[in-house]
Amino acid sequence: MKVGIFVPCCIDQFSPQTAHNALHLLERMGLQCFYPAELTCCGMDLFHMGDRDGAKALGERLINLYDDCTYIVSLSGACVVYMQKHFSQLFHNTTLHNSYRQFVERCMDFSDFMVNVLRCHERGSEHPMPEVVFEHKVTFLDPCTTLRDYHCLAHPDQAGLRGEPRQLLHAVKGLQLCEMQQQDVCCGSGGMFASQFTPISDSLAARKLDNAIAAGAEYIVSSEPRCLLHLKSYADKHNSQLKFMHIADLLCASL
C-alpha cells in the first residue's frame, strides 16, 4: 500500500509540523508514504473565485502527481469535498475522465482513512495506531463542508463525516471528549468569507469559542486547518486560554 500525503496550502505555509506529524505517524504504522515535492494547491480557491482554467490546471497536476498511489490522504476534509463535488465539472468527458474518477475514489480525509481503511482503532488491526496519551479535555470542531457534503465510501447512504474523528479521539488514553452545543453551526471561516464579511465571521467565531468554553474544553481539535487558523486568530486577539490542534498532531502527542 503506497499512501500519498496531500498537504493543503494553509498547512504548508502556517503549520508544516502537522504534515511532518501525519507522515511520521503513518510511517510508524508501517505504511509506505509519498509526498511529492512538486505539490501545489488543489485549486479550490481559484475554482470558487471563478478561475476555472486555473483550477483545472492545478487539478490536472494533482491527479498526475499521485497516479501510482493506492490512496491519497488529505489533511483537509474541505479539499476532499471540493474534489468530490467539482472535479467532474473540470474533467468530465476530457482526456482525464477516467483518471479524475479514480483519483476521487482514492482521495480521502485523514480520519476516514485511519478508521475505515486502516481500522487502526480496532483490536487486531494490521496497522494499529500507536498508544497515545493526552490527558486533557477536548472538544471536536466539525467543519461545515466535511459534516454536510463529504462522501464516504464506508457509508455512502449517509452524507458527511462525523463519527470517524471521534472514534480516533476515544482511542486516546486520558482524553476527555466534551461535546459542545451548536456543533453544526459554522465557525465563520468559510474560505474568503472571513475576509469579506469580517464582523459576521467574528461573531460566529466568538459563539464557537463560547460554546467550547461552556463545554469545559481546554483544546479545540479539528480535521480542518482553515477553521483552526481562523479560530486561533480570533482567540489570540481576545486573550482566550483555549488551545487548538489538528487531529493528526494530537495522535502524535506521545510519539
Protein backbone atom coordinates (compact mmCIF):
# COMPACT_ATOMS: atom_id res chain seq x y z
CA MET A 1 0.00 0.00 0.00
CA LYS A 2 1.54 3.28 -1.16
CA VAL A 3 -0.09 6.24 0.53
CA GLY A 4 0.18 9.74 -0.90
CA ILE A 5 0.01 12.58 1.59
CA PHE A 6 -1.84 15.68 0.41
CA VAL A 7 -0.84 18.76 2.38
CA PRO A 8 -3.16 21.75 1.85
CA CYS A 9 -1.72 25.22 1.30
CA CYS A 10 -2.55 26.54 4.77
CA ILE A 11 -0.69 23.70 6.50
CA ASP A 12 2.27 24.06 4.15
CA GLN A 13 2.51 27.78 4.95
CA PHE A 14 1.38 28.07 8.57
CA SER A 15 1.70 24.69 10.33
CA PRO A 16 4.13 22.44 8.43
CA GLN A 17 4.75 20.43 11.61
CA THR A 18 1.27 18.96 11.16
CA ALA A 19 2.37 17.47 7.84
CA HIS A 20 5.54 16.08 9.43
CA ASN A 21 3.49 14.55 12.25
CA ALA A 22 0.99 12.89 9.90
CA LEU A 23 3.80 11.46 7.78
CA HIS A 24 5.66 10.23 10.85
CA LEU A 25 2.54 8.62 12.29
CA LEU A 26 1.62 6.74 9.10
CA GLU A 27 5.19 5.52 8.62
CA ARG A 28 5.24 4.41 12.27
CA MET A 29 2.14 2.35 11.45
CA GLY A 30 4.01 0.51 8.71
CA LEU A 31 2.86 2.37 5.60
CA GLN A 32 4.90 3.43 2.59
CA CYS A 33 4.24 7.16 2.31
CA PHE A 34 4.80 9.51 -0.60
CA TYR A 35 4.93 13.29 -0.53
CA PRO A 36 5.56 14.93 -3.92
CA ALA A 37 8.00 17.84 -3.76
CA GLU A 38 6.14 19.45 -6.68
CA LEU A 39 2.85 19.60 -4.76
CA THR A 40 0.83 22.80 -5.09
CA CYS A 41 -2.75 23.91 -4.32
CA CYS A 42 -5.70 21.68 -5.25
CA GLY A 43 -7.31 24.67 -6.97
CA MET A 44 -10.30 25.08 -4.66
CA ASP A 45 -9.93 28.82 -4.08
CA LEU A 46 -9.40 29.52 -7.77
CA PHE A 47 -12.50 27.49 -8.63
CA HIS A 48 -14.71 29.35 -6.16
CA MET A 49 -13.40 32.71 -7.42
CA GLY A 50 -14.40 31.75 -10.96
CA ASP A 51 -10.99 30.91 -12.44
CA ARG A 52 -11.94 27.52 -13.87
CA ASP A 53 -8.91 27.35 -16.19
CA GLY A 54 -6.51 27.92 -13.31
CA ALA A 55 -8.34 25.39 -11.13
CA LYS A 56 -8.27 22.84 -13.94
CA ALA A 57 -4.52 23.24 -14.43
CA LEU A 58 -3.85 22.68 -10.73
CA GLY A 59 -6.29 19.75 -10.59
CA GLU A 60 -4.62 18.04 -13.54
CA ARG A 61 -1.23 18.48 -11.90
CA LEU A 62 -2.58 16.96 -8.69
CA ILE A 63 -4.09 13.93 -10.41
CA ASN A 64 -0.84 13.16 -12.21
CA LEU A 65 1.34 13.56 -9.11
CA TYR A 66 -0.46 10.78 -7.24
CA ASP A 67 -1.04 8.48 -10.19
CA ASP A 68 0.60 5.39 -8.65
CA CYS A 69 -0.71 5.79 -5.08
CA THR A 70 -3.19 3.32 -3.60
CA TYR A 71 -4.73 6.09 -1.50
CA ILE A 72 -4.33 9.84 -1.23
CA VAL A 73 -4.79 11.07 2.34
CA SER A 74 -5.68 14.73 2.81
CA LEU A 75 -5.10 16.77 5.95
CA SER A 76 -8.10 18.91 4.98
CA GLY A 77 -11.58 17.49 4.55
CA ALA A 78 -12.68 20.63 2.69
CA CYS A 79 -10.17 19.97 -0.08
CA VAL A 80 -11.53 16.44 -0.49
CA VAL A 81 -15.11 17.72 -0.66
CA TYR A 82 -14.08 20.20 -3.36
CA MET A 83 -12.55 17.41 -5.43
CA GLN A 84 -15.55 15.14 -4.91
CA LYS A 85 -18.06 17.82 -5.92
CA HIS A 86 -16.29 19.83 -8.59
CA PHE A 87 -13.63 17.76 -10.38
CA SER A 88 -16.46 16.39 -12.53
CA GLN A 89 -17.13 19.94 -13.79
CA LEU A 90 -13.49 20.30 -14.78
CA PHE A 91 -12.67 16.87 -16.19
CA HIS A 92 -15.89 15.11 -17.23
CA ASN A 93 -15.59 13.85 -20.82
CA THR A 94 -11.99 15.06 -21.11
CA THR A 95 -8.81 13.02 -21.58
CA LEU A 96 -8.64 12.83 -17.76
CA HIS A 97 -12.17 11.48 -17.35
CA ASN A 98 -11.15 8.05 -16.02
CA SER A 99 -8.16 9.42 -14.14
CA TYR A 100 -10.15 12.00 -12.19
CA ARG A 101 -12.82 9.45 -11.22
CA GLN A 102 -10.19 7.02 -9.94
CA PHE A 103 -8.40 9.85 -8.13
CA VAL A 104 -11.56 10.97 -6.32
CA GLU A 105 -12.31 7.39 -5.22
CA ARG A 106 -8.81 7.06 -3.74
CA CYS A 107 -8.65 10.50 -2.09
CA MET A 108 -10.00 10.79 1.45
CA ASP A 109 -9.85 12.72 4.68
CA PHE A 110 -7.24 11.68 7.26
CA SER A 111 -9.85 10.45 9.77
CA ASP A 112 -11.75 8.50 7.11
CA PHE A 113 -8.55 6.73 6.07
CA MET A 114 -7.45 5.93 9.61
CA VAL A 115 -10.82 4.49 10.65
CA ASN A 116 -12.36 2.97 7.52
CA VAL A 117 -9.27 1.79 5.63
CA LEU A 118 -6.63 1.05 8.26
CA ARG A 119 -9.16 0.33 11.04
CA CYS A 120 -6.34 1.40 13.30
CA HIS A 121 -8.55 1.73 16.36
CA GLU A 122 -9.72 -1.91 16.24
CA ARG A 123 -8.06 -4.79 18.05
CA GLY A 124 -6.12 -6.98 15.64
CA SER A 125 -5.65 -4.26 13.04
CA GLU A 126 -2.81 -4.82 10.59
CA HIS A 127 -1.84 -1.18 11.10
CA PRO A 128 -2.63 -0.38 14.74
CA MET A 129 -2.40 3.17 16.00
CA PRO A 130 0.46 3.69 18.46
CA GLU A 131 -0.61 4.22 22.05
CA VAL A 132 -1.39 7.88 22.61
CA VAL A 133 -1.80 9.57 25.98
CA PHE A 134 -3.35 13.05 26.11
CA GLU A 135 -4.79 13.92 29.50
CA HIS A 136 -6.86 16.93 28.57
CA LYS A 137 -10.45 17.95 27.92
CA VAL A 138 -11.03 18.20 24.18
CA THR A 139 -13.94 19.28 22.00
CA PHE A 140 -14.08 18.38 18.33
CA LEU A 141 -14.88 21.06 15.77
CA ASP A 142 -16.91 19.66 12.87
CA PRO A 143 -16.01 21.54 9.66
CA CYS A 144 -19.17 22.51 7.78
CA THR A 145 -18.21 21.01 4.43
CA THR A 146 -16.97 17.75 5.91
CA LEU A 147 -20.01 17.45 8.16
CA ARG A 148 -22.55 18.03 5.39
CA ASP A 149 -21.03 17.26 1.98
CA TYR A 150 -18.25 14.70 2.44
CA HIS A 151 -18.89 11.45 0.56
CA CYS A 152 -17.61 8.43 2.49
CA LEU A 153 -17.33 5.06 0.72
CA ALA A 154 -17.77 3.29 4.06
CA HIS A 155 -21.31 4.68 4.45
CA PRO A 156 -22.42 6.03 1.03
CA ASP A 157 -26.03 6.48 2.13
CA GLN A 158 -25.04 8.84 4.95
CA ALA A 159 -23.68 12.22 3.93
CA GLY A 160 -20.87 13.73 5.93
CA LEU A 161 -18.09 12.55 8.18
CA ARG A 162 -18.83 12.83 11.89
CA GLY A 163 -18.15 9.63 13.77
CA GLU A 164 -14.68 8.81 12.43
CA PRO A 165 -12.66 11.56 14.15
CA ARG A 166 -14.46 10.86 17.39
CA GLN A 167 -13.57 7.17 17.18
CA LEU A 168 -9.92 8.21 16.94
CA LEU A 169 -10.25 10.54 19.92
CA HIS A 170 -11.97 7.87 22.03
CA ALA A 171 -8.92 5.64 21.45
CA VAL A 172 -6.61 8.20 23.12
CA LYS A 173 -5.84 7.43 26.75
CA GLY A 174 -6.68 10.14 29.26
CA LEU A 175 -8.59 12.26 26.75
CA GLN A 176 -11.99 13.52 27.85
CA LEU A 177 -14.21 14.39 24.89
CA CYS A 178 -16.52 17.32 25.66
CA GLU A 179 -19.20 17.86 23.03
CA MET A 180 -20.19 21.49 22.63
CA GLN A 181 -23.54 22.96 21.71
CA GLN A 182 -24.39 24.05 18.14
CA GLN A 183 -21.81 21.79 16.56
CA ASP A 184 -23.42 22.15 13.15
CA VAL A 185 -23.11 25.96 13.14
CA CYS A 186 -20.28 27.49 11.08
CA CYS A 187 -17.23 28.87 12.90
CA GLY A 188 -17.04 31.81 10.46
CA SER A 189 -14.05 30.71 8.41
CA GLY A 190 -15.69 29.70 5.10
CA GLY A 191 -12.85 30.33 2.66
CA MET A 192 -12.93 34.04 1.68
CA PHE A 193 -15.96 34.70 3.91
CA ALA A 194 -13.83 35.71 6.92
CA SER A 195 -12.08 38.48 4.99
CA GLN A 196 -15.12 39.70 3.04
CA PHE A 197 -17.63 39.67 5.93
CA THR A 198 -15.38 40.10 8.96
CA PRO A 199 -18.00 41.31 11.52
CA ILE A 200 -20.26 38.32 10.82
CA SER A 201 -17.28 35.97 10.78
CA ASP A 202 -16.03 37.30 14.12
CA SER A 203 -19.46 36.88 15.72
CA LEU A 204 -19.56 33.25 14.59
CA ALA A 205 -16.04 32.66 15.93
CA ALA A 206 -16.99 34.20 19.28
CA ARG A 207 -20.03 31.93 19.55
CA LYS A 208 -17.95 28.86 18.73
CA LEU A 209 -15.34 29.70 21.37
CA ASP A 210 -18.03 30.43 23.97
CA ASN A 211 -19.61 27.04 23.30
CA ALA A 212 -16.25 25.29 23.62
CA ILE A 213 -15.54 27.03 26.93
CA ALA A 214 -19.02 26.21 28.21
CA ALA A 215 -18.38 22.54 27.42
CA GLY A 216 -15.28 22.67 29.63
CA ALA A 217 -12.78 22.15 26.83
CA GLU A 218 -9.11 23.03 27.04
CA TYR A 219 -8.46 22.20 23.38
CA ILE A 220 -10.40 22.60 20.16
CA VAL A 221 -9.39 19.80 17.80
CA SER A 222 -10.40 19.52 14.15
CA SER A 223 -9.51 17.92 10.84
CA GLU A 224 -9.82 21.26 9.03
CA PRO A 225 -6.78 23.55 9.31
CA ARG A 226 -8.57 26.60 7.90
CA CYS A 227 -11.11 26.54 10.71
CA LEU A 228 -8.37 26.10 13.30
CA LEU A 229 -6.37 29.03 11.92
CA HIS A 230 -9.46 31.25 11.87
CA LEU A 231 -10.47 30.45 15.46
CA LYS A 232 -6.92 30.68 16.79
CA SER A 233 -6.53 34.11 15.21
CA TYR A 234 -9.72 35.32 16.89
CA ALA A 235 -8.78 33.68 20.21
CA ASP A 236 -5.32 35.30 20.22
CA LYS A 237 -6.84 38.74 19.65
CA HIS A 238 -9.15 38.27 22.63
CA ASN A 239 -6.66 36.60 25.00
CA SER A 240 -8.54 33.31 25.14
CA GLN A 241 -6.90 30.43 27.00
CA LEU A 242 -8.21 27.85 24.53
CA LYS A 243 -5.65 25.86 22.56
CA PHE A 244 -6.03 24.50 19.05
CA MET A 245 -4.76 21.30 17.45
CA HIS A 246 -5.16 19.32 14.25
CA ILE A 247 -6.20 15.75 14.96
CA ALA A 248 -3.02 14.44 13.31
CA ASP A 249 -0.94 16.46 15.80
CA LEU A 250 -2.92 15.09 18.73
CA LEU A 251 -2.36 11.49 17.62
CA CYS A 252 1.38 12.19 17.63
CA ALA A 253 1.34 13.78 21.08
CA SER A 254 3.06 10.80 22.73
CA LEU A 255 5.46 9.88 19.93
